């Protein structure tokens, strides 16, 4: 008898669909104001410019959150 619960590694990687990009864009747009506020606070606390700006921070957040929506 075969054991199908072991995960045979036959998982195929699919290209992101249009729905993924729509969610990514929406999350990115929502994350921009929060990233801007966090960036300004970080400047005020550290008195130095962070390496990454607010758009890079928002992009990273959207890139982290969006795949979690489509995870089975």
C-alpha atoms as a PDB file:
ATOM      1  CA  UNK A   1       0.000   0.000   0.000  1.00  0.00           C
ATOM      2  CA  UNK A   2       1.344   3.443  -0.871  1.00  0.00           C
ATOM      3  CA  UNK A   3       1.784   6.271   1.615  1.00  0.00           C
ATOM      4  CA  UNK A   4       0.522   9.473   0.003  1.00  0.00           C
ATOM      5  CA  UNK A   5       1.041  11.628   3.113  1.00  0.00           C
ATOM      6  CA  UNK A   6       4.822  11.726   2.871  1.00  0.00           C
ATOM      7  CA  UNK A   7       4.924  14.448   0.209  1.00  0.00           C
ATOM      8  CA  UNK A   8       6.446  12.983  -2.896  1.00  0.00           C
ATOM      9  CA  UNK A   9       7.892  16.292  -4.076  1.00  0.00           C
ATOM     10  CA  UNK A  10       5.749  16.494  -7.186  1.00  0.00           C
ATOM     11  CA  UNK A  11       4.622  20.016  -6.349  1.00  0.00           C
ATOM     12  CA  UNK A  12       4.780  22.108  -9.485  1.00  0.00           C
ATOM     13  CA  UNK A  13       5.501  25.813  -9.260  1.00  0.00           C
ATOM     14  CA  UNK A  14       2.945  27.913 -11.131  1.00  0.00           C
ATOM     15  CA  UNK A  15       3.484  31.406 -12.420  1.00  0.00           C
ATOM     16  CA  UNK A  16       1.631  34.104 -10.453  1.00  0.00           C
ATOM     17  CA  UNK A  17      -1.720  34.955 -11.905  1.00  0.00           C
ATOM     18  CA  UNK A  18      -3.376  38.316 -12.438  1.00  0.00           C
ATOM     19  CA  UNK A  19      -5.209  37.967  -9.123  1.00  0.00           C
ATOM     20  CA  UNK A  20      -1.868  37.789  -7.307  1.00  0.00           C
ATOM     21  CA  UNK A  21      -0.716  41.029  -8.928  1.00  0.00           C
ATOM     22  CA  UNK A  22      -3.990  42.784  -8.075  1.00  0.00           C
ATOM     23  CA  UNK A  23      -3.694  41.796  -4.419  1.00  0.00           C
ATOM     24  CA  UNK A  24      -0.015  42.757  -4.413  1.00  0.00           C
ATOM     25  CA  UNK A  25      -0.795  46.210  -5.827  1.00  0.00           C
ATOM     26  CA  UNK A  26      -3.598  46.828  -3.339  1.00  0.00           C
ATOM     27  CA  UNK A  27      -1.506  45.754  -0.367  1.00  0.00           C
ATOM     28  CA  UNK A  28       1.408  47.826  -1.639  1.00  0.00           C
ATOM     29  CA  UNK A  29      -0.767  50.940  -1.906  1.00  0.00           C
ATOM     30  CA  UNK A  30      -2.147  50.421   1.595  1.00  0.00           C
ATOM     31  CA  UNK A  31       1.328  49.778   3.012  1.00  0.00           C
ATOM     32  CA  UNK A  32       2.885  52.982   1.634  1.00  0.00           C
ATOM     33  CA  UNK A  33       1.455  55.392   4.274  1.00  0.00           C
ATOM     34  CA  UNK A  34       2.396  53.051   7.120  1.00  0.00           C
ATOM     35  CA  UNK A  35       5.884  52.564   5.711  1.00  0.00           C
ATOM     36  CA  UNK A  36       6.268  56.334   5.357  1.00  0.00           C
ATOM     37  CA  UNK A  37       5.304  56.890   8.993  1.00  0.00           C
ATOM     38  CA  UNK A  38       7.669  54.122  10.148  1.00  0.00           C
ATOM     39  CA  UNK A  39      10.449  55.617   8.027  1.00  0.00           C
ATOM     40  CA  UNK A  40       9.954  59.096   9.537  1.00  0.00           C
ATOM     41  CA  UNK A  41       9.878  57.652  13.064  1.00  0.00           C
ATOM     42  CA  UNK A  42      13.058  55.721  12.369  1.00  0.00           C
ATOM     43  CA  UNK A  43      14.741  58.915  11.163  1.00  0.00           C
ATOM     44  CA  UNK A  44      13.616  60.756  14.300  1.00  0.00           C
ATOM     45  CA  UNK A  45      14.816  58.019  16.650  1.00  0.00           C
ATOM     46  CA  UNK A  46      18.134  57.165  14.989  1.00  0.00           C
ATOM     47  CA  UNK A  47      18.843  60.621  13.512  1.00  0.00           C
ATOM     48  CA  UNK A  48      20.126  58.989  10.345  1.00  0.00           C
ATOM     49  CA  UNK A  49      18.599  57.974   7.041  1.00  0.00           C
ATOM     50  CA  UNK A  50      17.686  54.285   6.845  1.00  0.00           C
ATOM     51  CA  UNK A  51      19.244  52.222   4.100  1.00  0.00           C
ATOM     52  CA  UNK A  52      15.875  51.471   2.478  1.00  0.00           C
ATOM     53  CA  UNK A  53      13.243  54.103   1.841  1.00  0.00           C
ATOM     54  CA  UNK A  54       9.511  53.896   2.463  1.00  0.00           C
ATOM     55  CA  UNK A  55       8.715  52.447  -0.971  1.00  0.00           C
ATOM     56  CA  UNK A  56      11.203  49.623  -0.499  1.00  0.00           C
ATOM     57  CA  UNK A  57       9.706  48.887   2.910  1.00  0.00           C
ATOM     58  CA  UNK A  58       6.153  48.865   1.485  1.00  0.00           C
ATOM     59  CA  UNK A  59       7.278  46.628  -1.404  1.00  0.00           C
ATOM     60  CA  UNK A  60       8.838  44.171   1.054  1.00  0.00           C
ATOM     61  CA  UNK A  61       5.692  44.107   3.199  1.00  0.00           C
ATOM     62  CA  UNK A  62       3.477  43.485   0.170  1.00  0.00           C
ATOM     63  CA  UNK A  63       5.845  40.771  -1.000  1.00  0.00           C
ATOM     64  CA  UNK A  64       5.595  39.102   2.396  1.00  0.00           C
ATOM     65  CA  UNK A  65       1.837  39.365   2.889  1.00  0.00           C
ATOM     66  CA  UNK A  66       0.522  38.552  -0.592  1.00  0.00           C
ATOM     67  CA  UNK A  67       1.870  34.971  -0.881  1.00  0.00           C
ATOM     68  CA  UNK A  68       0.339  34.167   2.510  1.00  0.00           C
ATOM     69  CA  UNK A  69      -3.099  34.921   1.085  1.00  0.00           C
ATOM     70  CA  UNK A  70      -2.698  32.282  -1.619  1.00  0.00           C
ATOM     71  CA  UNK A  71      -1.078  29.640   0.596  1.00  0.00           C
ATOM     72  CA  UNK A  72      -3.288  26.515   0.809  1.00  0.00           C
END
